[in-house]
Amino acid sequence: MAVAVTTKTAWKLQEIVAHSSNVSSVVLGKGSGRMLATGGDDCRVNIWSVSKPNCIMSLTGHTSPIESLQVNPNEKLIVAGSRSGSIRVWDLEAAKVLRSLPGHKANICSLHFHPFGSFVASGSLDTNIKLWDVRRKGCIFTFKGHTEAVRCLRFSPDGKWVASAADDHTVKLWDLTAGKLMFEFTGHTGPVNVVEFHPNEYLLASGSSDRTVRFWDLEKFQVVSCIEEEATPVRCVLFNPDGCCLYSGFQDSLRVYGWEPERCFDVVLVNWGKVADLSISNNQLIGVSFAQSTVSSFVVDLSRVPKSDSIPHGLIRDDQPLVPPTPTGSSLRRIYDRPSTSCSKPQRVKHNSESERHSPSSEDDRDEKESKAEIQNQEDYKEIFQPKNAICRTPPRNEPFPAPPEDEPGTTKEAVKPSQAVDVQTSLPKQELPDPVQRPPIASSTSLTRTEPSVIPAARNEPIGLKASDFLPAVKNQSQTELVDEEAMSQIRKGHETMCVVLTSRHKNLDAVRAVWSISDIKNSLDSAVAINDLSVVVDLLNIVNQKPSLWKLDLCTIVLPQIEKLLQSKYESYVQTGCTSLKLILQRFLPLITDILAAPPSVGVDISREERLHKCKLCYKQLKNISNVVKNKSGLSGRHGSAFRELLLLMAVLD
């Protein structure tokens, strides 16, 4: 009888280098869950198909980094807001800019398309919310009321309201027809990052940096419930399409909530870091995150995630009776009235005075002419945005992403309460449950050869190369699993004295370097750190110097570059990160100077200072050439290390 293969609940789908510089914004198309747009410090907006490695289209025209992105419901338009306050709307099928919308005076922090009409809402660091008519190329109305940056905007499903979340700890609900504030929801004690309307009921959810998720009743204008047991800020929220639950994205985890009463149905561990956006397609939740120039996408199989009170975790108190869940489809609240045709009500939105409206100018026309769409992959572009029949995103919507096999059953999902962890694992086949008793005993006297990872991560939950079983006495009888506390502690303490000696020595070395810095300068202190011949001390010092670019001088580079070469080849992730940061700073600040001085004609007469500078530049150039070989070898790595080395390789291209 064949044993069924257990697949993962959550897995990493893809990692791409999305821009030549840091990524500043990402968004998923909510219609298909297959379209991804990224914005970067290179002022470009790149369009991707999720799970495909190549960029489909690159949109240029902005002159400052992209701060916010949004795709309209049918995924034909995309709007991008920049750090300068400018907004551009692109037609993806025509591959051209549709509108340029100037008006904000600071960063664009949030954008959202109206569900029916050709309207866009924008929120800015200037605290204002503007409603734009894309067809008329003008601002219809400006909502004022927030006192700090507006971080998130959402239109209601019926298109009559817009909700805003801001750094001033408030959520505001605005009436588009009356052009005024309907209600201000207070209760959060930190900046509110996200807000989302329930797809059917008069219910609003908000997530904040105060680590709470709040649910608001839009008929009674009061709080329904508040979930407060989280350890990290709420980064994004999304209701299930049928409205049965709310998915909340946190640092490295997805949580599934109910609100009457407040409860957590499930916690799924997903190593996506700081997740930026969520979308649902084919009963799979797609999440995207970004770090430096890379964008990663992750998938959670919602068919394996509880969405009801079958096994509630956490937030239900043991001394309180469990309220039966409301059956799906029976609403406790009023339901939105959606228009049957293209919405005409938003067109009756209250307008500001004539001075508020924006009329096209020759400057805007010039901006639109300078904006262009570079189609990177003609085949994918025609398949997705110019199909012969109806639009069909690739991969097709009816084909969910295949789930990889489970590595260790029961490790992907984790209950909030440890005592309930068994409940999560009971859904797995019995023969696949891990049995700790059946692990072979390891004798403490046995010398084992361990394979350590090539790069030791900076953040980890357990020591690399160490196993808890190595510090415990050997189990002679497999049935004897209980250990005496004294024996366990004696084994653990064996390496304690050695570790204390190492840390004490490092502390003394840092004190010596600090003493040199206090009586001399940064150059002499770096000389002393190098002389100590301890890379950990050099790393500690560079981490300080990297935060103050004004301290860097050319003679400092001659000392640091040989150490950077060692750091880049280290097996410790934190050392590699510090080396990459220092090298990037040197390349950006000094490489143009070095190349200019080396290319300059020789001076007439004797110029001692120039000769010294030339000597330093030659020395730095030689060291950089050596480092470039290391960077080339490492640029093929995957993950953030590979992307960091590829970015350095681009900066060092002038050396070739």
Foldseek 3Di string as FASTA:
>chain_A
DDDDFAFDQKDWQDKELADLWFWQEKEAQQQQRQWIWTWFQVQKIWIDGPNDHDTFKIWHQDPGTWHEKDAANVRQKIWTWGQQQKIWIDGLLVQATQAIAHDDRGGWQEKDAQNFAQWMWTWAQVQKIWIDRSVQRKTFAIAHDDPGTWHYWDAALQRQWIWTFFQVQKIWIAGQLVGYTDDIDHDGPGGWHYKDAQNWFQKIWTWGQQQKIWIARNVVGGTQEMDRPGDGGFQYKDADNLRLWIWTDGAQKIWTFDVVPTFTQFIFGHNQGRWHYWYDFPQKIKTWDGDISMIIIMIGRNVLGDRAVPPTFPPDDPPDDDDHDDDRPDDPHHTDDHDPHRDDSSVSGHGDPPVRIDHDDVVRVVSSVSMGMGGPDVVQSCLASPDPDDGARPPGRNDDDDGHGDPQQLPRTAGPDNVCSVVSRVVDDPVRHDDPLPDAWDALPDDDDDDWDQAAEPDDDDDTPDDLSNLAHTDPDSVPDDDDPVRSVVSVCPCVVVVVVVVVVLVVLLVVLVVCCVVDNPQVSLVSNVVVVDLVSVLVSLVVCLVPLVRDDLVSLLSCLVSLLVLCSDRYPSSNVSSLSVLVSCLVPPVVVLVVLVPDDDDPDDDPVSVVVVVSSVSNLVSVVVSLVSLVVQCPDDDPSNSSSVSSNVSCVVSD
